[in-house]
C-alpha atoms as a PDB file:
ATOM      1  CA  UNK A   1      42.087  39.791  67.611  1.00  0.00           C
ATOM      2  CA  UNK A   2      45.385  41.045  66.162  1.00  0.00           C
ATOM      3  CA  UNK A   3      44.289  42.440  62.755  1.00  0.00           C
ATOM      4  CA  UNK A   4      47.797  42.407  61.298  1.00  0.00           C
ATOM      5  CA  UNK A   5      48.362  38.765  62.271  1.00  0.00           C
ATOM      6  CA  UNK A   6      44.935  37.786  60.958  1.00  0.00           C
ATOM      7  CA  UNK A   7      45.497  39.480  57.588  1.00  0.00           C
ATOM      8  CA  UNK A   8      49.007  38.025  57.264  1.00  0.00           C
ATOM      9  CA  UNK A   9      47.773  34.503  58.016  1.00  0.00           C
ATOM     10  CA  UNK A  10      44.925  34.867  55.562  1.00  0.00           C
ATOM     11  CA  UNK A  11      47.293  36.064  52.841  1.00  0.00           C
ATOM     12  CA  UNK A  12      49.634  33.147  53.578  1.00  0.00           C
ATOM     13  CA  UNK A  13      46.834  30.610  53.185  1.00  0.00           C
ATOM     14  CA  UNK A  14      45.572  32.191  49.960  1.00  0.00           C
ATOM     15  CA  UNK A  15      49.057  32.427  48.433  1.00  0.00           C
ATOM     16  CA  UNK A  16      49.939  28.848  49.311  1.00  0.00           C
ATOM     17  CA  UNK A  17      46.738  27.481  47.775  1.00  0.00           C
ATOM     18  CA  UNK A  18      47.515  29.433  44.616  1.00  0.00           C
ATOM     19  CA  UNK A  19      51.101  28.150  44.518  1.00  0.00           C
ATOM     20  CA  UNK A  20      50.041  24.539  45.036  1.00  0.00           C
ATOM     21  CA  UNK A  21      47.531  24.743  42.191  1.00  0.00           C
ATOM     22  CA  UNK A  22      50.087  26.216  39.843  1.00  0.00           C
ATOM     23  CA  UNK A  23      52.619  23.554  40.834  1.00  0.00           C
ATOM     24  CA  UNK A  24      50.200  20.871  39.646  1.00  0.00           C
ATOM     25  CA  UNK A  25      49.760  22.623  36.294  1.00  0.00           C
ATOM     26  CA  UNK A  26      46.026  23.094  36.830  1.00  0.00           C
ATOM     27  CA  UNK A  27      44.183  26.236  35.797  1.00  0.00           C
ATOM     28  CA  UNK A  28      41.576  27.789  38.056  1.00  0.00           C
ATOM     29  CA  UNK A  29      38.867  26.472  35.761  1.00  0.00           C
ATOM     30  CA  UNK A  30      40.263  22.940  35.953  1.00  0.00           C
ATOM     31  CA  UNK A  31      40.588  23.088  39.728  1.00  0.00           C
ATOM     32  CA  UNK A  32      36.995  24.268  39.978  1.00  0.00           C
ATOM     33  CA  UNK A  33      35.745  21.447  37.760  1.00  0.00           C
ATOM     34  CA  UNK A  34      37.669  18.848  39.763  1.00  0.00           C
ATOM     35  CA  UNK A  35      36.407  20.003  43.156  1.00  0.00           C
ATOM     36  CA  UNK A  36      32.840  21.008  42.346  1.00  0.00           C
ATOM     37  CA  UNK A  37      33.583  24.618  43.235  1.00  0.00           C
ATOM     38  CA  UNK A  38      33.029  27.539  40.892  1.00  0.00           C
ATOM     39  CA  UNK A  39      35.941  29.254  39.149  1.00  0.00           C
ATOM     40  CA  UNK A  40      35.098  32.602  40.821  1.00  0.00           C
ATOM     41  CA  UNK A  41      35.261  30.874  44.206  1.00  0.00           C
ATOM     42  CA  UNK A  42      38.700  29.432  43.434  1.00  0.00           C
ATOM     43  CA  UNK A  43      39.831  32.912  42.404  1.00  0.00           C
ATOM     44  CA  UNK A  44      38.463  34.511  45.584  1.00  0.00           C
ATOM     45  CA  UNK A  45      40.115  31.866  47.760  1.00  0.00           C
ATOM     46  CA  UNK A  46      43.471  32.425  46.074  1.00  0.00           C
ATOM     47  CA  UNK A  47      43.234  36.219  46.271  1.00  0.00           C
ATOM     48  CA  UNK A  48      42.204  36.228  49.916  1.00  0.00           C
ATOM     49  CA  UNK A  49      38.784  37.712  49.237  1.00  0.00           C
ATOM     50  CA  UNK A  50      37.016  34.633  50.606  1.00  0.00           C
ATOM     51  CA  UNK A  51      38.130  32.658  53.635  1.00  0.00           C
ATOM     52  CA  UNK A  52      37.979  28.939  52.787  1.00  0.00           C
ATOM     53  CA  UNK A  53      36.369  26.529  55.182  1.00  0.00           C
ATOM     54  CA  UNK A  54      38.510  23.749  56.577  1.00  0.00           C
ATOM     55  CA  UNK A  55      36.587  21.387  54.307  1.00  0.00           C
ATOM     56  CA  UNK A  56      37.439  23.552  51.258  1.00  0.00           C
ATOM     57  CA  UNK A  57      41.124  23.461  52.196  1.00  0.00           C
ATOM     58  CA  UNK A  58      41.034  19.706  52.654  1.00  0.00           C
ATOM     59  CA  UNK A  59      39.465  19.162  49.229  1.00  0.00           C
ATOM     60  CA  UNK A  60      42.012  21.409  47.526  1.00  0.00           C
ATOM     61  CA  UNK A  61      44.950  19.804  49.303  1.00  0.00           C
ATOM     62  CA  UNK A  62      43.726  16.389  48.155  1.00  0.00           C
ATOM     63  CA  UNK A  63      43.566  17.641  44.573  1.00  0.00           C
ATOM     64  CA  UNK A  64      47.003  19.240  44.754  1.00  0.00           C
ATOM     65  CA  UNK A  65      48.525  16.178  46.472  1.00  0.00           C
ATOM     66  CA  UNK A  66      50.052  18.242  49.268  1.00  0.00           C
ATOM     67  CA  UNK A  67      52.478  16.364  51.491  1.00  0.00           C
ATOM     68  CA  UNK A  68      51.635  15.501  55.077  1.00  0.00           C
ATOM     69  CA  UNK A  69      53.573  18.315  56.731  1.00  0.00           C
ATOM     70  CA  UNK A  70      52.128  21.057  54.548  1.00  0.00           C
ATOM     71  CA  UNK A  71      48.682  19.545  54.772  1.00  0.00           C
ATOM     72  CA  UNK A  72      48.781  19.665  58.565  1.00  0.00           C
ATOM     73  CA  UNK A  73      50.142  23.216  58.587  1.00  0.00           C
ATOM     74  CA  UNK A  74      47.535  24.624  56.199  1.00  0.00           C
ATOM     75  CA  UNK A  75      44.618  22.862  57.863  1.00  0.00           C
ATOM     76  CA  UNK A  76      45.802  24.193  61.221  1.00  0.00           C
ATOM     77  CA  UNK A  77      46.091  27.680  59.728  1.00  0.00           C
ATOM     78  CA  UNK A  78      42.545  27.516  58.335  1.00  0.00           C
ATOM     79  CA  UNK A  79      41.240  26.321  61.706  1.00  0.00           C
ATOM     80  CA  UNK A  80      43.022  29.177  63.506  1.00  0.00           C
ATOM     81  CA  UNK A  81      41.632  31.766  61.107  1.00  0.00           C
ATOM     82  CA  UNK A  82      38.075  30.555  61.631  1.00  0.00           C
ATOM     83  CA  UNK A  83      38.539  30.409  65.401  1.00  0.00           C
ATOM     84  CA  UNK A  84      39.811  33.998  65.350  1.00  0.00           C
ATOM     85  CA  UNK A  85      36.907  35.121  63.205  1.00  0.00           C
ATOM     86  CA  UNK A  86      34.388  33.379  65.426  1.00  0.00           C
ATOM     87  CA  UNK A  87      35.819  34.946  68.566  1.00  0.00           C
ATOM     88  CA  UNK A  88      35.468  38.392  66.981  1.00  0.00           C
ATOM     89  CA  UNK A  89      31.804  38.066  66.126  1.00  0.00           C
ATOM     90  CA  UNK A  90      29.332  39.955  68.241  1.00  0.00           C
ATOM     91  CA  UNK A  91      26.077  38.107  68.644  1.00  0.00           C
ATOM     92  CA  UNK A  92      23.172  40.211  69.846  1.00  0.00           C
ATOM     93  CA  UNK A  93      20.068  38.348  70.922  1.00  0.00           C
ATOM     94  CA  UNK A  94      18.767  40.265  73.865  1.00  0.00           C
ATOM     95  CA  UNK A  95      15.548  42.227  74.226  1.00  0.00           C
ATOM     96  CA  UNK A  96      14.299  43.665  70.925  1.00  0.00           C
ATOM     97  CA  UNK A  97      14.009  47.237  72.227  1.00  0.00           C
ATOM     98  CA  UNK A  98      17.489  47.041  73.731  1.00  0.00           C
ATOM     99  CA  UNK A  99      18.830  45.742  70.445  1.00  0.00           C
ATOM    100  CA  UNK A 100      17.370  48.767  68.638  1.00  0.00           C
ATOM    101  CA  UNK A 101      19.074  51.040  71.149  1.00  0.00           C
ATOM    102  CA  UNK A 102      22.399  49.252  70.596  1.00  0.00           C
ATOM    103  CA  UNK A 103      22.100  49.662  66.837  1.00  0.00           C
ATOM    104  CA  UNK A 104      21.293  53.322  67.408  1.00  0.00           C
ATOM    105  CA  UNK A 105      24.531  53.721  69.359  1.00  0.00           C
ATOM    106  CA  UNK A 106      26.512  52.279  66.439  1.00  0.00           C
ATOM    107  CA  UNK A 107      24.739  54.627  64.015  1.00  0.00           C
ATOM    108  CA  UNK A 108      25.360  57.623  66.251  1.00  0.00           C
ATOM    109  CA  UNK A 109      29.087  56.870  66.245  1.00  0.00           C
ATOM    110  CA  UNK A 110      29.377  56.670  62.427  1.00  0.00           C
ATOM    111  CA  UNK A 111      29.633  59.416  59.825  1.00  0.00           C
ATOM    112  CA  UNK A 112      29.167  57.554  56.534  1.00  0.00           C
ATOM    113  CA  UNK A 113      26.458  54.906  56.706  1.00  0.00           C
ATOM    114  CA  UNK A 114      25.491  52.475  53.941  1.00  0.00           C
ATOM    115  CA  UNK A 115      22.531  50.093  54.015  1.00  0.00           C
ATOM    116  CA  UNK A 116      21.697  47.311  51.559  1.00  0.00           C
ATOM    117  CA  UNK A 117      18.365  45.533  52.095  1.00  0.00           C
ATOM    118  CA  UNK A 118      17.438  43.190  49.228  1.00  0.00           C
ATOM    119  CA  UNK A 119      14.372  41.599  50.826  1.00  0.00           C
ATOM    120  CA  UNK A 120      12.747  44.291  52.925  1.00  0.00           C
ATOM    121  CA  UNK A 121      12.805  47.941  53.935  1.00  0.00           C
ATOM    122  CA  UNK A 122      15.666  49.318  56.010  1.00  0.00           C
ATOM    123  CA  UNK A 123      14.563  50.154  59.546  1.00  0.00           C
ATOM    124  CA  UNK A 124      15.523  53.824  59.219  1.00  0.00           C
ATOM    125  CA  UNK A 125      13.163  54.143  56.230  1.00  0.00           C
ATOM    126  CA  UNK A 126      10.145  52.313  57.641  1.00  0.00           C
ATOM    127  CA  UNK A 127       6.858  53.994  58.393  1.00  0.00           C
ATOM    128  CA  UNK A 128       5.405  53.409  61.850  1.00  0.00           C
ATOM    129  CA  UNK A 129       2.773  51.040  60.491  1.00  0.00           C
ATOM    130  CA  UNK A 130       5.257  49.025  58.449  1.00  0.00           C
ATOM    131  CA  UNK A 131       7.633  48.592  61.395  1.00  0.00           C
ATOM    132  CA  UNK A 132       4.761  47.708  63.708  1.00  0.00           C
ATOM    133  CA  UNK A 133       3.818  44.871  61.396  1.00  0.00           C
ATOM    134  CA  UNK A 134       7.457  43.754  61.215  1.00  0.00           C
ATOM    135  CA  UNK A 135       7.764  43.544  64.991  1.00  0.00           C
ATOM    136  CA  UNK A 136       4.314  41.984  65.408  1.00  0.00           C
ATOM    137  CA  UNK A 137       5.805  38.827  63.883  1.00  0.00           C
ATOM    138  CA  UNK A 138       7.605  38.205  67.185  1.00  0.00           C
ATOM    139  CA  UNK A 139       6.407  40.747  69.759  1.00  0.00           C
ATOM    140  CA  UNK A 140       3.219  41.812  71.494  1.00  0.00           C
ATOM    141  CA  UNK A 141       2.047  44.265  74.112  1.00  0.00           C
ATOM    142  CA  UNK A 142       4.462  46.540  75.915  1.00  0.00           C
ATOM    143  CA  UNK A 143       7.570  45.024  74.323  1.00  0.00           C
ATOM    144  CA  UNK A 144       6.109  45.727  70.870  1.00  0.00           C
ATOM    145  CA  UNK A 145       5.412  49.358  71.804  1.00  0.00           C
ATOM    146  CA  UNK A 146       8.897  49.829  73.299  1.00  0.00           C
ATOM    147  CA  UNK A 147      10.596  48.353  70.250  1.00  0.00           C
ATOM    148  CA  UNK A 148       8.649  50.501  67.768  1.00  0.00           C
ATOM    149  CA  UNK A 149       9.477  53.576  69.844  1.00  0.00           C
ATOM    150  CA  UNK A 150      13.163  52.594  69.930  1.00  0.00           C
ATOM    151  CA  UNK A 151      13.296  52.211  66.157  1.00  0.00           C
ATOM    152  CA  UNK A 152      11.562  55.551  65.676  1.00  0.00           C
ATOM    153  CA  UNK A 153      14.182  57.092  67.960  1.00  0.00           C
ATOM    154  CA  UNK A 154      16.888  55.607  65.714  1.00  0.00           C
ATOM    155  CA  UNK A 155      15.321  57.371  62.735  1.00  0.00           C
ATOM    156  CA  UNK A 156      16.247  60.741  64.207  1.00  0.00           C
ATOM    157  CA  UNK A 157      19.800  60.035  63.025  1.00  0.00           C
ATOM    158  CA  UNK A 158      18.660  60.874  59.480  1.00  0.00           C
ATOM    159  CA  UNK A 159      18.420  64.494  60.558  1.00  0.00           C
ATOM    160  CA  UNK A 160      21.682  64.653  62.524  1.00  0.00           C
ATOM    161  CA  UNK A 161      24.262  67.090  61.110  1.00  0.00           C
ATOM    162  CA  UNK A 162      27.460  65.732  59.618  1.00  0.00           C
ATOM    163  CA  UNK A 163      26.124  62.322  58.597  1.00  0.00           C
ATOM    164  CA  UNK A 164      25.805  60.858  55.096  1.00  0.00           C
ATOM    165  CA  UNK A 165      23.412  57.978  54.388  1.00  0.00           C
ATOM    166  CA  UNK A 166      23.112  55.742  51.343  1.00  0.00           C
ATOM    167  CA  UNK A 167      20.343  53.161  51.140  1.00  0.00           C
ATOM    168  CA  UNK A 168      19.958  50.596  48.377  1.00  0.00           C
ATOM    169  CA  UNK A 169      16.649  48.770  48.092  1.00  0.00           C
ATOM    170  CA  UNK A 170      15.221  46.445  45.483  1.00  0.00           C
ATOM    171  CA  UNK A 171      12.018  47.023  43.576  1.00  0.00           C
ATOM    172  CA  UNK A 172      11.095  43.441  44.440  1.00  0.00           C
ATOM    173  CA  UNK A 173      11.183  44.264  48.172  1.00  0.00           C
ATOM    174  CA  UNK A 174       9.151  47.434  47.645  1.00  0.00           C
ATOM    175  CA  UNK A 175       6.504  45.415  45.791  1.00  0.00           C
ATOM    176  CA  UNK A 176       6.488  42.522  48.277  1.00  0.00           C
ATOM    177  CA  UNK A 177       2.976  42.566  49.755  1.00  0.00           C
ATOM    178  CA  UNK A 178       4.087  42.130  53.336  1.00  0.00           C
ATOM    179  CA  UNK A 179       1.546  44.726  54.480  1.00  0.00           C
ATOM    180  CA  UNK A 180      -1.881  45.763  53.171  1.00  0.00           C
ATOM    181  CA  UNK A 181      -1.753  47.739  49.949  1.00  0.00           C
ATOM    182  CA  UNK A 182      -2.424  51.100  51.591  1.00  0.00           C
ATOM    183  CA  UNK A 183       0.495  50.568  53.983  1.00  0.00           C
ATOM    184  CA  UNK A 184       2.789  49.567  51.114  1.00  0.00           C
ATOM    185  CA  UNK A 185       1.729  52.618  49.095  1.00  0.00           C
ATOM    186  CA  UNK A 186       2.419  54.910  52.052  1.00  0.00           C
ATOM    187  CA  UNK A 187       5.780  53.211  52.589  1.00  0.00           C
ATOM    188  CA  UNK A 188       6.920  53.864  49.011  1.00  0.00           C
ATOM    189  CA  UNK A 189       5.795  57.499  49.238  1.00  0.00           C
ATOM    190  CA  UNK A 190       7.603  57.916  52.561  1.00  0.00           C
ATOM    191  CA  UNK A 191      10.874  56.646  51.087  1.00  0.00           C
ATOM    192  CA  UNK A 192      10.506  59.033  48.147  1.00  0.00           C
ATOM    193  CA  UNK A 193      10.090  61.913  50.597  1.00  0.00           C
ATOM    194  CA  UNK A 194      13.171  60.933  52.609  1.00  0.00           C
ATOM    195  CA  UNK A 195      15.217  60.801  49.405  1.00  0.00           C
ATOM    196  CA  UNK A 196      14.900  64.584  49.123  1.00  0.00           C
ATOM    197  CA  UNK A 197      17.004  65.092  52.277  1.00  0.00           C
ATOM    198  CA  UNK A 198      20.372  66.552  51.334  1.00  0.00           C
ATOM    199  CA  UNK A 199      22.344  63.953  53.302  1.00  0.00           C
ATOM    200  CA  UNK A 200      20.333  60.911  52.212  1.00  0.00           C
ATOM    201  CA  UNK A 201      20.794  58.980  48.958  1.00  0.00           C
ATOM    202  CA  UNK A 202      18.263  56.269  48.207  1.00  0.00           C
ATOM    203  CA  UNK A 203      18.752  53.872  45.330  1.00  0.00           C
ATOM    204  CA  UNK A 204      16.253  51.395  43.932  1.00  0.00           C
ATOM    205  CA  UNK A 205      17.395  48.392  41.896  1.00  0.00           C
ATOM    206  CA  UNK A 206      14.679  47.905  39.241  1.00  0.00           C
ATOM    207  CA  UNK A 207      13.303  44.504  38.384  1.00  0.00           C
ATOM    208  CA  UNK A 208      14.803  45.005  34.919  1.00  0.00           C
ATOM    209  CA  UNK A 209      18.332  45.697  36.222  1.00  0.00           C
ATOM    210  CA  UNK A 210      21.227  43.338  35.589  1.00  0.00           C
ATOM    211  CA  UNK A 211      23.361  43.503  38.745  1.00  0.00           C
ATOM    212  CA  UNK A 212      26.899  42.179  38.484  1.00  0.00           C
ATOM    213  CA  UNK A 213      26.662  39.954  41.562  1.00  0.00           C
ATOM    214  CA  UNK A 214      24.208  37.961  43.677  1.00  0.00           C
ATOM    215  CA  UNK A 215      24.079  39.159  47.300  1.00  0.00           C
ATOM    216  CA  UNK A 216      23.236  36.449  49.809  1.00  0.00           C
ATOM    217  CA  UNK A 217      21.895  38.783  52.507  1.00  0.00           C
ATOM    218  CA  UNK A 218      21.498  42.384  53.536  1.00  0.00           C
ATOM    219  CA  UNK A 219      24.109  44.299  55.506  1.00  0.00           C
ATOM    220  CA  UNK A 220      25.043  47.721  56.871  1.00  0.00           C
ATOM    221  CA  UNK A 221      28.450  49.405  56.584  1.00  0.00           C
ATOM    222  CA  UNK A 222      29.476  51.996  59.160  1.00  0.00           C
ATOM    223  CA  UNK A 223      32.296  54.185  57.880  1.00  0.00           C
ATOM    224  CA  UNK A 224      34.940  51.660  56.808  1.00  0.00           C
ATOM    225  CA  UNK A 225      35.385  49.979  60.177  1.00  0.00           C
ATOM    226  CA  UNK A 226      32.295  47.847  60.792  1.00  0.00           C
ATOM    227  CA  UNK A 227      29.786  45.739  58.846  1.00  0.00           C
ATOM    228  CA  UNK A 228      26.696  44.287  60.503  1.00  0.00           C
ATOM    229  CA  UNK A 229      24.740  41.395  59.037  1.00  0.00           C
ATOM    230  CA  UNK A 230      21.242  40.688  60.260  1.00  0.00           C
ATOM    231  CA  UNK A 231      20.364  37.010  60.603  1.00  0.00           C
ATOM    232  CA  UNK A 232      17.071  35.469  61.663  1.00  0.00           C
ATOM    233  CA  UNK A 233      18.264  34.966  65.232  1.00  0.00           C
ATOM    234  CA  UNK A 234      21.079  37.460  65.724  1.00  0.00           C
ATOM    235  CA  UNK A 235      23.280  40.206  64.315  1.00  0.00           C
ATOM    236  CA  UNK A 236      26.871  39.478  63.325  1.00  0.00           C
ATOM    237  CA  UNK A 237      29.515  42.211  63.430  1.00  0.00           C
ATOM    238  CA  UNK A 238      32.465  42.086  61.006  1.00  0.00           C
ATOM    239  CA  UNK A 239      35.565  44.186  61.685  1.00  0.00           C
ATOM    240  CA  UNK A 240      38.315  42.562  59.623  1.00  0.00           C
ATOM    241  CA  UNK A 241      39.513  45.159  57.043  1.00  0.00           C
ATOM    242  CA  UNK A 242      39.666  42.613  54.219  1.00  0.00           C
ATOM    243  CA  UNK A 243      36.082  41.494  54.805  1.00  0.00           C
ATOM    244  CA  UNK A 244      34.907  45.099  55.032  1.00  0.00           C
ATOM    245  CA  UNK A 245      36.600  45.803  51.690  1.00  0.00           C
ATOM    246  CA  UNK A 246      34.615  42.925  50.173  1.00  0.00           C
ATOM    247  CA  UNK A 247      31.332  44.431  51.374  1.00  0.00           C
ATOM    248  CA  UNK A 248      32.305  47.894  50.159  1.00  0.00           C
ATOM    249  CA  UNK A 249      33.017  46.455  46.728  1.00  0.00           C
ATOM    250  CA  UNK A 250      29.721  44.560  46.675  1.00  0.00           C
ATOM    251  CA  UNK A 251      27.871  47.692  47.781  1.00  0.00           C
ATOM    252  CA  UNK A 252      29.378  49.568  44.840  1.00  0.00           C
ATOM    253  CA  UNK A 253      28.221  46.837  42.454  1.00  0.00           C
ATOM    254  CA  UNK A 254      24.686  47.117  43.810  1.00  0.00           C
ATOM    255  CA  UNK A 255      24.804  50.924  43.644  1.00  0.00           C
ATOM    256  CA  UNK A 256      25.785  50.733  39.983  1.00  0.00           C
ATOM    257  CA  UNK A 257      22.629  48.707  39.313  1.00  0.00           C
ATOM    258  CA  UNK A 258      20.355  51.144  41.181  1.00  0.00           C
ATOM    259  CA  UNK A 259      18.485  54.274  40.187  1.00  0.00           C
ATOM    260  CA  UNK A 260      18.961  57.357  42.371  1.00  0.00           C
ATOM    261  CA  UNK A 261      17.497  60.854  42.552  1.00  0.00           C
ATOM    262  CA  UNK A 262      14.574  61.710  40.311  1.00  0.00           C
ATOM    263  CA  UNK A 263      14.683  58.307  38.611  1.00  0.00           C
ATOM    264  CA  UNK A 264      14.323  56.545  41.953  1.00  0.00           C
ATOM    265  CA  UNK A 265      11.537  58.880  43.062  1.00  0.00           C
ATOM    266  CA  UNK A 266       9.683  58.294  39.808  1.00  0.00           C
ATOM    267  CA  UNK A 267       9.878  54.536  40.306  1.00  0.00           C
ATOM    268  CA  UNK A 268       8.771  54.861  43.931  1.00  0.00           C
ATOM    269  CA  UNK A 269       5.826  56.935  42.760  1.00  0.00           C
ATOM    270  CA  UNK A 270       4.854  54.271  40.249  1.00  0.00           C
ATOM    271  CA  UNK A 271       5.076  51.581  42.922  1.00  0.00           C
ATOM    272  CA  UNK A 272       2.917  53.635  45.297  1.00  0.00           C
ATOM    273  CA  UNK A 273       0.275  54.146  42.588  1.00  0.00           C
ATOM    274  CA  UNK A 274       0.277  50.459  41.728  1.00  0.00           C
ATOM    275  CA  UNK A 275      -0.790  49.667  45.300  1.00  0.00           C
ATOM    276  CA  UNK A 276      -3.691  52.072  45.146  1.00  0.00           C
ATOM    277  CA  UNK A 277      -7.139  50.767  44.072  1.00  0.00           C
END
């Protein structure tokens, strides 16, 4: 992928959608109401923060009464952008232990690492028993043992010199009774202990927090050059600078809603005690 061409094309599509709306005299709110989209989505499409689907473009062009030539050009541009994005995605669905090793290689190559996990515990923070139960959902026998060992090997990165880690978890995930209560209590205590490392920041978003956005999934940011998104069946890698900027901004929003330091450790301690009989 040519990053400069991709960014230029994306900016062209966003700008033209904005110009067409303005030419019709519609506000963003009116365009949203007419298409069934939200006003924030219209804004993100027009500012290039969100890549519209071909269907989105078609709906907007209908509303703006774009002529045939421009309609064809913009639909072709949207199709090319999505084809480029798809070709740049790395899908990893090989052996589970090998996948852990591959993730470890990415982590070893990064200096500033950020992890946001709204529905579970980040792999680098998991206790052995918690991760064993995670992998038991899909693995057994020798493959289970190899995968647990590979994840534990990844955790050594927390102690590597020159690296800075920031993890953001949710209180809801920490209280999710995925494991027996004693395992969950030990997990919360383990995270509190790791938060005392000088190069590790761990934030917890309390149940009472009012975050400024709704994340749709977890993700990891490696320096400012790669974002990985874990799906049920695969991991997607994102390298486009504009998309990475979006995830950095969202990470900052989540960090602003989280407690760090002593406040986070106090909450983790409360959670651990609540799991104890």
